Amino acid sequence: MTTVTVLHPGAMGAGVVAQVAAAGHEVLWVPEGRSAATRERARKAGAVAVDTLAEALERSAVVLSVCPPQAAEEVAAAVADHSFTGVYVDANAINPQRMQHIAEAMSPGVAVLDGAIFGPPPGGQRTARLYLAGDRSAIDLVETLFKDTALHPRRASGAIGSASALKMAFASYQKAARTLAGVAHALADAHGVGDELTAEAQVMASNILSDPGYLPSVAARAWRWAPEMQDIADTLRAADLPSDMAEAAVAVMSHWKGDKDRYDLPVADVLAHLRSLGI
């Protein structure tokens, strides 16, 4: 049995707690300053309350930080202020630069792992993946915490920061796409064609992110799409809706201006052009 401290049991954190506890490990948490809702989640998930962070860290071999992203550095700093020398897993949705700063600020002797959770809070029929990057022996230990549970550990391909980068890459699409959907439906609603938009969307392919092979065709047509996106921005403004994302798409497409009608470009070249002016 391994003793683990989870900071802090929100919706996702409570799901993680439940999986560690189900695997037969002891899970600690510190209720000081936490809400009644958090206390109830922690209780139901099987976490054991302790009075202080110092006590939790003294008893634990692993700390899992699963908190609101904006609090990641604060939580890490609180741990760094103590003499903890185990494994510290930052499983928050933060960028690679912040992850690197957290790793560098942690006390000597701490094995820091970069973590990223994909999927809903695990439990019942819901599963999630926990990508980990960093020291291999530390990853070995963390993997044992989730043996035969609904949270499946995965090893990220790179060093510290790579799991966070994976999360940022996925979330950039996932969240922006949903935001764009909101703007699209608002525009259609403003013109009374909401039902038709939904009907058209239902016959569209939905594997855009999972098939990067189509990207050369996007770059090849960007010279035509950019003016269309500018018209879309104008239409949005006329409907008193945000045009920022449409205008941002125009700026991104300008990086592919030199790829006009070059449908046979390798995907690697198309991606590289987004890292330069490409014009």
C-alpha atoms as a PDB file:
ATOM      1  CA  MET A   1       0.000   0.000   0.000  1.00  0.00           C
ATOM      2  CA  THR A   2       1.239   3.470  -0.920  1.00  0.00           C
ATOM      3  CA  THR A   3       0.100   6.585   0.907  1.00  0.00           C
ATOM      4  CA  VAL A   4      -0.876   9.439  -1.404  1.00  0.00           C
ATOM      5  CA  THR A   5      -1.880  13.052  -0.785  1.00  0.00           C
ATOM      6  CA  VAL A   6      -4.296  14.641  -3.268  1.00  0.00           C
ATOM      7  CA  LEU A   7      -4.414  18.445  -3.522  1.00  0.00           C
ATOM      8  CA  HIS A   8      -7.359  19.079  -3.837  1.00  0.00           C
ATOM      9  CA  PRO A   9     -10.486  16.921  -4.326  1.00  0.00           C
ATOM     10  CA  GLY A  10     -12.582  18.951  -6.741  1.00  0.00           C
ATOM     11  CA  ALA A  11     -14.718  17.088  -9.288  1.00  0.00           C
ATOM     12  CA  MET A  12     -11.701  15.652 -11.128  1.00  0.00           C
ATOM     13  CA  GLY A  13      -9.596  15.304  -7.970  1.00  0.00           C
ATOM     14  CA  ALA A  14     -12.330  13.337  -6.224  1.00  0.00           C
ATOM     15  CA  GLY A  15     -12.519  10.978  -9.182  1.00  0.00           C
ATOM     16  CA  VAL A  16      -8.765  10.430  -8.947  1.00  0.00           C
ATOM     17  CA  VAL A  17      -9.011   9.877  -5.179  1.00  0.00           C
ATOM     18  CA  ALA A  18     -11.669   7.222  -5.685  1.00  0.00           C
ATOM     19  CA  GLN A  19      -9.484   5.325  -8.163  1.00  0.00           C
ATOM     20  CA  VAL A  20      -6.406   5.346  -5.905  1.00  0.00           C
ATOM     21  CA  ALA A  21      -8.511   4.234  -2.925  1.00  0.00           C
ATOM     22  CA  ALA A  22     -10.167   1.504  -5.007  1.00  0.00           C
ATOM     23  CA  ALA A  23      -6.713   0.151  -5.854  1.00  0.00           C
ATOM     24  CA  GLY A  24      -6.059  -0.360  -2.139  1.00  0.00           C
ATOM     25  CA  HIS A  25      -3.964   2.690  -1.319  1.00  0.00           C
ATOM     26  CA  GLU A  26      -4.365   5.255   1.444  1.00  0.00           C
ATOM     27  CA  VAL A  27      -5.357   8.719   0.225  1.00  0.00           C
ATOM     28  CA  LEU A  28      -4.936  11.783   2.417  1.00  0.00           C
ATOM     29  CA  TRP A  29      -6.221  15.289   1.973  1.00  0.00           C
ATOM     30  CA  VAL A  30      -6.175  18.552   3.940  1.00  0.00           C
ATOM     31  CA  PRO A  31      -9.659  20.014   4.530  1.00  0.00           C
ATOM     32  CA  GLU A  32      -8.463  23.294   6.081  1.00  0.00           C
ATOM     33  CA  GLY A  33      -9.973  26.192   4.135  1.00  0.00           C
ATOM     34  CA  ARG A  34     -11.958  23.936   1.809  1.00  0.00           C
ATOM     35  CA  SER A  35     -15.689  24.192   1.146  1.00  0.00           C
ATOM     36  CA  ALA A  36     -18.407  21.912   2.475  1.00  0.00           C
ATOM     37  CA  ALA A  37     -18.904  20.575  -1.070  1.00  0.00           C
ATOM     38  CA  THR A  38     -15.218  19.644  -1.306  1.00  0.00           C
ATOM     39  CA  ARG A  39     -15.355  17.951   2.087  1.00  0.00           C
ATOM     40  CA  GLU A  40     -18.332  15.868   1.002  1.00  0.00           C
ATOM     41  CA  ARG A  41     -16.654  14.885  -2.280  1.00  0.00           C
ATOM     42  CA  ALA A  42     -13.514  13.828  -0.444  1.00  0.00           C
ATOM     43  CA  ARG A  43     -15.489  11.777   2.069  1.00  0.00           C
ATOM     44  CA  LYS A  44     -17.462   9.955  -0.612  1.00  0.00           C
ATOM     45  CA  ALA A  45     -14.293   9.275  -2.621  1.00  0.00           C
ATOM     46  CA  GLY A  46     -12.583   7.646   0.351  1.00  0.00           C
ATOM     47  CA  ALA A  47      -9.990  10.273   1.288  1.00  0.00           C
ATOM     48  CA  VAL A  48      -8.756  10.493   4.870  1.00  0.00           C
ATOM     49  CA  ALA A  49      -8.677  14.004   6.337  1.00  0.00           C
ATOM     50  CA  VAL A  50      -5.537  15.173   8.149  1.00  0.00           C
ATOM     51  CA  ASP A  51      -5.043  18.392  10.072  1.00  0.00           C
ATOM     52  CA  THR A  52      -2.083  19.900   8.226  1.00  0.00           C
ATOM     53  CA  LEU A  53      -0.235  19.721   4.935  1.00  0.00           C
ATOM     54  CA  ALA A  54       2.942  18.942   6.872  1.00  0.00           C
ATOM     55  CA  GLU A  55       1.350  15.816   8.323  1.00  0.00           C
ATOM     56  CA  ALA A  56       0.047  14.711   4.941  1.00  0.00           C
ATOM     57  CA  LEU A  57       3.436  15.148   3.288  1.00  0.00           C
ATOM     58  CA  GLU A  58       5.294  13.403   6.088  1.00  0.00           C
ATOM     59  CA  ARG A  59       3.104  10.324   5.633  1.00  0.00           C
ATOM     60  CA  SER A  60       2.984  10.302   1.818  1.00  0.00           C
ATOM     61  CA  ALA A  61       5.210   8.865  -0.903  1.00  0.00           C
ATOM     62  CA  VAL A  62       3.273  10.593  -3.692  1.00  0.00           C
ATOM     63  CA  VAL A  63       1.510  13.940  -4.025  1.00  0.00           C
ATOM     64  CA  LEU A  64      -1.037  14.404  -6.798  1.00  0.00           C
ATOM     65  CA  SER A  65      -1.835  18.033  -7.597  1.00  0.00           C
ATOM     66  CA  VAL A  66      -5.269  18.177  -9.249  1.00  0.00           C
ATOM     67  CA  CYS A  67      -6.462  21.735  -8.760  1.00  0.00           C
ATOM     68  CA  PRO A  68      -7.745  24.683 -10.807  1.00  0.00           C
ATOM     69  CA  PRO A  69      -4.940  25.502 -13.291  1.00  0.00           C
ATOM     70  CA  GLN A  70      -4.485  29.011 -11.947  1.00  0.00           C
ATOM     71  CA  ALA A  71      -3.563  27.595  -8.526  1.00  0.00           C
ATOM     72  CA  ALA A  72      -0.908  25.119  -9.754  1.00  0.00           C
ATOM     73  CA  GLU A  73       2.106  27.218  -8.711  1.00  0.00           C
ATOM     74  CA  GLU A  74       0.553  28.076  -5.356  1.00  0.00           C
ATOM     75  CA  VAL A  75      -0.055  24.414  -4.543  1.00  0.00           C
ATOM     76  CA  ALA A  76       3.450  23.443  -5.662  1.00  0.00           C
ATOM     77  CA  ALA A  77       5.004  26.241  -3.597  1.00  0.00           C
ATOM     78  CA  ALA A  78       3.140  25.063  -0.490  1.00  0.00           C
ATOM     79  CA  VAL A  79       4.620  21.580  -0.959  1.00  0.00           C
ATOM     80  CA  ALA A  80       8.086  22.989  -1.665  1.00  0.00           C
ATOM     81  CA  ASP A  81       7.994  24.818   1.686  1.00  0.00           C
ATOM     82  CA  HIS A  82       8.106  21.441   3.462  1.00  0.00           C
ATOM     83  CA  SER A  83      10.674  18.663   3.554  1.00  0.00           C
ATOM     84  CA  PHE A  84       8.791  16.372   1.178  1.00  0.00           C
ATOM     85  CA  THR A  85      11.110  14.087  -0.819  1.00  0.00           C
ATOM     86  CA  GLY A  86       8.691  11.813  -2.669  1.00  0.00           C
ATOM     87  CA  VAL A  87       7.044  12.001  -6.078  1.00  0.00           C
ATOM     88  CA  TYR A  88       5.151  15.166  -6.987  1.00  0.00           C
ATOM     89  CA  VAL A  89       2.727  14.870  -9.907  1.00  0.00           C
ATOM     90  CA  ASP A  90       1.332  18.084 -11.356  1.00  0.00           C
ATOM     91  CA  ALA A  91      -1.700  16.842 -13.282  1.00  0.00           C
ATOM     92  CA  ASN A  92      -3.139  20.269 -14.052  1.00  0.00           C
ATOM     93  CA  ALA A  93      -3.920  21.838 -17.437  1.00  0.00           C
ATOM     94  CA  ILE A  94      -0.971  24.227 -17.553  1.00  0.00           C
ATOM     95  CA  ASN A  95       1.497  25.173 -20.274  1.00  0.00           C
ATOM     96  CA  PRO A  96       4.959  23.589 -20.556  1.00  0.00           C
ATOM     97  CA  GLN A  97       6.689  26.755 -19.376  1.00  0.00           C
ATOM     98  CA  ARG A  98       4.715  26.813 -16.129  1.00  0.00           C
ATOM     99  CA  MET A  99       5.354  23.094 -15.665  1.00  0.00           C
ATOM    100  CA  GLN A 100       9.099  23.634 -16.063  1.00  0.00           C
ATOM    101  CA  HIS A 101       9.044  26.469 -13.507  1.00  0.00           C
ATOM    102  CA  ILE A 102       7.223  24.237 -11.024  1.00  0.00           C
ATOM    103  CA  ALA A 103       9.779  21.466 -11.528  1.00  0.00           C
ATOM    104  CA  GLU A 104      12.667  23.877 -11.032  1.00  0.00           C
ATOM    105  CA  ALA A 105      11.134  25.424  -7.905  1.00  0.00           C
ATOM    106  CA  MET A 106      10.474  22.111  -6.167  1.00  0.00           C
ATOM    107  CA  SER A 107      12.739  21.106  -3.290  1.00  0.00           C
ATOM    108  CA  PRO A 108      15.840  18.971  -4.029  1.00  0.00           C
ATOM    109  CA  GLY A 109      15.091  15.278  -3.677  1.00  0.00           C
ATOM    110  CA  VAL A 110      11.561  15.551  -5.088  1.00  0.00           C
ATOM    111  CA  ALA A 111      10.864  13.554  -8.258  1.00  0.00           C
ATOM    112  CA  VAL A 112       8.592  15.850 -10.263  1.00  0.00           C
ATOM    113  CA  LEU A 113       6.322  14.371 -12.907  1.00  0.00           C
ATOM    114  CA  ASP A 114       4.492  16.318 -15.568  1.00  0.00           C
ATOM    115  CA  GLY A 115       0.950  14.959 -15.792  1.00  0.00           C
ATOM    116  CA  ALA A 116      -2.099  15.599 -17.953  1.00  0.00           C
ATOM    117  CA  ILE A 117      -5.547  14.074 -17.554  1.00  0.00           C
ATOM    118  CA  PHE A 118      -7.725  13.399 -20.601  1.00  0.00           C
ATOM    119  CA  GLY A 119     -11.380  12.508 -20.261  1.00  0.00           C
ATOM    120  CA  PRO A 120     -14.095  12.959 -17.608  1.00  0.00           C
ATOM    121  CA  PRO A 121     -13.663  12.361 -13.880  1.00  0.00           C
ATOM    122  CA  PRO A 122     -13.063   8.588 -13.823  1.00  0.00           C
ATOM    123  CA  GLY A 123     -15.488   6.201 -12.176  1.00  0.00           C
ATOM    124  CA  GLY A 124     -18.370   3.890 -12.992  1.00  0.00           C
ATOM    125  CA  GLN A 125     -18.458   3.511 -16.775  1.00  0.00           C
ATOM    126  CA  ARG A 126     -16.277   6.598 -17.309  1.00  0.00           C
ATOM    127  CA  THR A 127     -12.575   6.173 -18.005  1.00  0.00           C
ATOM    128  CA  ALA A 128      -9.788   8.717 -18.348  1.00  0.00           C
ATOM    129  CA  ARG A 129      -6.102   8.734 -19.279  1.00  0.00           C
ATOM    130  CA  LEU A 130      -3.260  10.166 -17.210  1.00  0.00           C
ATOM    131  CA  TYR A 131      -0.215  11.018 -19.349  1.00  0.00           C
ATOM    132  CA  LEU A 132       3.056  11.226 -17.423  1.00  0.00           C
ATOM    133  CA  ALA A 133       6.503  12.572 -18.317  1.00  0.00           C
ATOM    134  CA  GLY A 134       9.644  12.562 -16.200  1.00  0.00           C
ATOM    135  CA  ASP A 135      11.677  10.111 -14.163  1.00  0.00           C
ATOM    136  CA  ARG A 136      10.903   6.543 -15.214  1.00  0.00           C
ATOM    137  CA  SER A 137      11.080   5.012 -11.747  1.00  0.00           C
ATOM    138  CA  ALA A 138       8.719   7.685 -10.442  1.00  0.00           C
ATOM    139  CA  ILE A 139       6.309   6.908 -13.279  1.00  0.00           C
ATOM    140  CA  ASP A 140       6.566   3.209 -12.401  1.00  0.00           C
ATOM    141  CA  LEU A 141       5.408   4.020  -8.870  1.00  0.00           C
ATOM    142  CA  VAL A 142       2.518   6.209  -9.993  1.00  0.00           C
ATOM    143  CA  GLU A 143       1.338   3.563 -12.448  1.00  0.00           C
ATOM    144  CA  THR A 144       0.890   1.108  -9.567  1.00  0.00           C
ATOM    145  CA  LEU A 145      -1.556   3.525  -7.932  1.00  0.00           C
ATOM    146  CA  PHE A 146      -4.029   3.058 -10.773  1.00  0.00           C
ATOM    147  CA  LYS A 147      -3.677  -0.653 -11.520  1.00  0.00           C
ATOM    148  CA  ASP A 148      -7.020  -2.057 -12.748  1.00  0.00           C
ATOM    149  CA  THR A 149      -8.813   1.269 -12.239  1.00  0.00           C
ATOM    150  CA  ALA A 150     -10.764   3.616 -14.509  1.00  0.00           C
ATOM    151  CA  LEU A 151      -7.777   6.003 -14.754  1.00  0.00           C
ATOM    152  CA  HIS A 152      -5.283   4.578 -17.243  1.00  0.00           C
ATOM    153  CA  PRO A 153      -1.668   5.827 -17.035  1.00  0.00           C
ATOM    154  CA  ARG A 154       0.138   6.574 -20.304  1.00  0.00           C
ATOM    155  CA  ARG A 155       3.768   7.596 -20.839  1.00  0.00           C
ATOM    156  CA  ALA A 156       4.294  10.809 -22.794  1.00  0.00           C
ATOM    157  CA  SER A 157       7.018  10.666 -25.433  1.00  0.00           C
ATOM    158  CA  GLY A 158       9.145  13.559 -24.164  1.00  0.00           C
ATOM    159  CA  ALA A 159      10.625  15.081 -21.038  1.00  0.00           C
ATOM    160  CA  ILE A 160       9.054  17.372 -18.415  1.00  0.00           C
ATOM    161  CA  GLY A 161       6.648  19.668 -20.237  1.00  0.00           C
ATOM    162  CA  SER A 162       5.651  17.184 -22.940  1.00  0.00           C
ATOM    163  CA  ALA A 163       2.519  15.942 -21.155  1.00  0.00           C
ATOM    164  CA  SER A 164       1.464  19.538 -20.558  1.00  0.00           C
ATOM    165  CA  ALA A 165       2.133  20.365 -24.213  1.00  0.00           C
ATOM    166  CA  LEU A 166      -0.065  17.436 -25.245  1.00  0.00           C
ATOM    167  CA  LYS A 167      -2.855  18.780 -23.053  1.00  0.00           C
ATOM    168  CA  MET A 168      -2.466  22.292 -24.473  1.00  0.00           C
ATOM    169  CA  ALA A 169      -2.522  20.978 -28.045  1.00  0.00           C
ATOM    170  CA  PHE A 170      -5.662  18.930 -27.475  1.00  0.00           C
ATOM    171  CA  ALA A 171      -7.452  21.589 -25.436  1.00  0.00           C
ATOM    172  CA  SER A 172      -6.633  24.298 -27.978  1.00  0.00           C
ATOM    173  CA  TYR A 173      -8.755  22.430 -30.495  1.00  0.00           C
ATOM    174  CA  GLN A 174     -11.385  21.035 -28.152  1.00  0.00           C
ATOM    175  CA  LYS A 175     -12.228  24.285 -26.404  1.00  0.00           C
ATOM    176  CA  ALA A 176     -11.824  26.592 -29.389  1.00  0.00           C
ATOM    177  CA  ALA A 177     -14.010  24.303 -31.509  1.00  0.00           C
ATOM    178  CA  ARG A 178     -16.776  24.377 -28.931  1.00  0.00           C
ATOM    179  CA  THR A 179     -16.493  28.147 -28.658  1.00  0.00           C
ATOM    180  CA  LEU A 180     -16.695  28.441 -32.440  1.00  0.00           C
ATOM    181  CA  ALA A 181     -19.778  26.215 -32.375  1.00  0.00           C
ATOM    182  CA  GLY A 182     -21.399  28.651 -29.977  1.00  0.00           C
ATOM    183  CA  VAL A 183     -20.652  31.586 -32.290  1.00  0.00           C
ATOM    184  CA  ALA A 184     -21.857  29.640 -35.351  1.00  0.00           C
ATOM    185  CA  HIS A 185     -25.150  28.726 -33.715  1.00  0.00           C
ATOM    186  CA  ALA A 186     -25.653  32.276 -32.463  1.00  0.00           C
ATOM    187  CA  LEU A 187     -25.165  33.596 -35.997  1.00  0.00           C
ATOM    188  CA  ALA A 188     -27.535  31.021 -37.483  1.00  0.00           C
ATOM    189  CA  ASP A 189     -30.099  31.786 -34.781  1.00  0.00           C
ATOM    190  CA  ALA A 190     -29.863  35.503 -35.529  1.00  0.00           C
ATOM    191  CA  HIS A 191     -30.915  34.735 -39.109  1.00  0.00           C
ATOM    192  CA  GLY A 192     -33.481  32.061 -38.257  1.00  0.00           C
ATOM    193  CA  VAL A 193     -31.568  29.127 -39.739  1.00  0.00           C
ATOM    194  CA  GLY A 194     -30.518  27.295 -36.581  1.00  0.00           C
ATOM    195  CA  ASP A 195     -32.271  24.049 -37.489  1.00  0.00           C
ATOM    196  CA  GLU A 196     -30.677  23.995 -40.929  1.00  0.00           C
ATOM    197  CA  LEU A 197     -27.199  24.526 -39.428  1.00  0.00           C
ATOM    198  CA  THR A 198     -27.713  21.597 -37.063  1.00  0.00           C
ATOM    199  CA  ALA A 199     -28.898  19.407 -39.942  1.00  0.00           C
ATOM    200  CA  GLU A 200     -25.844  20.248 -42.051  1.00  0.00           C
ATOM    201  CA  ALA A 201     -23.501  19.594 -39.131  1.00  0.00           C
ATOM    202  CA  GLN A 202     -24.970  16.134 -38.639  1.00  0.00           C
ATOM    203  CA  VAL A 203     -23.754  14.990 -42.059  1.00  0.00           C
ATOM    204  CA  MET A 204     -20.233  16.417 -41.682  1.00  0.00           C
ATOM    205  CA  ALA A 205     -17.187  14.262 -40.924  1.00  0.00           C
ATOM    206  CA  SER A 206     -16.183  14.548 -37.283  1.00  0.00           C
ATOM    207  CA  ASN A 207     -12.629  13.185 -37.428  1.00  0.00           C
ATOM    208  CA  ILE A 208     -10.879  16.483 -38.135  1.00  0.00           C
ATOM    209  CA  LEU A 209      -8.379  16.350 -35.276  1.00  0.00           C
ATOM    210  CA  SER A 210      -7.694  12.625 -35.675  1.00  0.00           C
ATOM    211  CA  ASP A 211      -6.718  12.915 -39.363  1.00  0.00           C
ATOM    212  CA  PRO A 212      -3.860  15.433 -39.876  1.00  0.00           C
ATOM    213  CA  GLY A 213      -3.386  14.056 -43.390  1.00  0.00           C
ATOM    214  CA  TYR A 214      -6.056  16.458 -44.633  1.00  0.00           C
ATOM    215  CA  LEU A 215      -4.083  19.554 -43.561  1.00  0.00           C
ATOM    216  CA  PRO A 216      -2.174  20.055 -46.868  1.00  0.00           C
ATOM    217  CA  SER A 217      -5.531  20.561 -48.573  1.00  0.00           C
ATOM    218  CA  VAL A 218      -6.402  23.204 -45.994  1.00  0.00           C
ATOM    219  CA  ALA A 219      -3.123  25.050 -46.558  1.00  0.00           C
ATOM    220  CA  ALA A 220      -3.587  24.789 -50.341  1.00  0.00           C
ATOM    221  CA  ARG A 221      -7.003  26.457 -50.089  1.00  0.00           C
ATOM    222  CA  ALA A 222      -6.167  29.011 -47.397  1.00  0.00           C
ATOM    223  CA  TRP A 223      -5.798  31.744 -50.040  1.00  0.00           C
ATOM    224  CA  ARG A 224      -9.494  31.255 -50.837  1.00  0.00           C
ATOM    225  CA  TRP A 225     -10.667  30.593 -47.309  1.00  0.00           C
ATOM    226  CA  ALA A 226      -9.086  33.702 -45.756  1.00  0.00           C
ATOM    227  CA  PRO A 227     -11.316  36.162 -47.657  1.00  0.00           C
ATOM    228  CA  GLU A 228     -14.328  34.008 -46.808  1.00  0.00           C
ATOM    229  CA  MET A 229     -13.372  34.134 -43.127  1.00  0.00           C
ATOM    230  CA  GLN A 230     -13.107  37.903 -43.416  1.00  0.00           C
ATOM    231  CA  ASP A 231     -16.667  37.994 -44.800  1.00  0.00           C
ATOM    232  CA  ILE A 232     -17.699  35.774 -41.888  1.00  0.00           C
ATOM    233  CA  ALA A 233     -16.131  38.260 -39.479  1.00  0.00           C
ATOM    234  CA  ASP A 234     -18.095  41.085 -41.121  1.00  0.00           C
ATOM    235  CA  THR A 235     -21.308  39.040 -40.885  1.00  0.00           C
ATOM    236  CA  LEU A 236     -20.705  38.353 -37.201  1.00  0.00           C
ATOM    237  CA  ARG A 237     -20.143  42.032 -36.445  1.00  0.00           C
ATOM    238  CA  ALA A 238     -23.327  42.924 -38.303  1.00  0.00           C
ATOM    239  CA  ALA A 239     -25.194  40.482 -36.060  1.00  0.00           C
ATOM    240  CA  ASP A 240     -23.572  42.068 -32.969  1.00  0.00           C
ATOM    241  CA  LEU A 241     -21.569  38.869 -32.311  1.00  0.00           C
ATOM    242  CA  PRO A 242     -17.849  38.437 -31.512  1.00  0.00           C
ATOM    243  CA  SER A 243     -15.697  38.373 -34.654  1.00  0.00           C
ATOM    244  CA  ASP A 244     -12.352  37.819 -32.927  1.00  0.00           C
ATOM    245  CA  MET A 245     -11.969  34.119 -33.712  1.00  0.00           C
ATOM    246  CA  ALA A 246     -12.860  34.557 -37.374  1.00  0.00           C
ATOM    247  CA  GLU A 247     -10.312  37.355 -37.682  1.00  0.00           C
ATOM    248  CA  ALA A 248      -7.744  35.208 -35.907  1.00  0.00           C
ATOM    249  CA  ALA A 249      -8.374  32.460 -38.482  1.00  0.00           C
ATOM    250  CA  VAL A 250      -7.582  34.964 -41.241  1.00  0.00           C
ATOM    251  CA  ALA A 251      -4.259  35.732 -39.539  1.00  0.00           C
ATOM    252  CA  VAL A 252      -3.414  32.039 -39.194  1.00  0.00           C
ATOM    253  CA  MET A 253      -4.267  31.339 -42.825  1.00  0.00           C
ATOM    254  CA  SER A 254      -1.830  34.045 -43.932  1.00  0.00           C
ATOM    255  CA  HIS A 255       0.968  31.709 -42.829  1.00  0.00           C
ATOM    256  CA  TRP A 256      -0.103  29.349 -45.621  1.00  0.00           C
ATOM    257  CA  LYS A 257      -0.275  31.989 -48.354  1.00  0.00           C
ATOM    258  CA  GLY A 258       2.759  30.484 -50.071  1.00  0.00           C
ATOM    259  CA  ASP A 259       1.135  27.041 -50.149  1.00  0.00           C
ATOM    260  CA  LYS A 260      -1.535  28.048 -52.654  1.00  0.00           C
ATOM    261  CA  ASP A 261      -2.799  25.014 -54.621  1.00  0.00           C
ATOM    262  CA  ARG A 262       0.094  22.848 -53.365  1.00  0.00           C
ATOM    263  CA  TYR A 263      -2.034  19.858 -52.386  1.00  0.00           C
ATOM    264  CA  ASP A 264       0.944  17.489 -52.429  1.00  0.00           C
ATOM    265  CA  LEU A 265       2.904  19.217 -49.665  1.00  0.00           C
ATOM    266  CA  PRO A 266       4.032  16.915 -46.826  1.00  0.00           C
ATOM    267  CA  VAL A 267       2.149  17.430 -43.587  1.00  0.00           C
ATOM    268  CA  ALA A 268       5.451  18.269 -41.859  1.00  0.00           C
ATOM    269  CA  ASP A 269       5.970  21.242 -44.205  1.00  0.00           C
ATOM    270  CA  VAL A 270       2.442  22.519 -43.650  1.00  0.00           C
ATOM    271  CA  LEU A 271       2.948  22.418 -39.880  1.00  0.00           C
ATOM    272  CA  ALA A 272       6.365  24.060 -40.157  1.00  0.00           C
ATOM    273  CA  HIS A 273       4.868  27.000 -42.040  1.00  0.00           C
ATOM    274  CA  LEU A 274       2.734  27.784 -39.004  1.00  0.00           C
ATOM    275  CA  ARG A 275       5.948  28.259 -37.029  1.00  0.00           C
ATOM    276  CA  SER A 276       7.189  30.936 -39.433  1.00  0.00           C
ATOM    277  CA  LEU A 277       5.686  33.752 -41.439  1.00  0.00           C
ATOM    278  CA  GLY A 278       5.052  31.364 -44.304  1.00  0.00           C
ATOM    279  CA  ILE A 279       4.465  34.264 -46.674  1.00  0.00           C
END
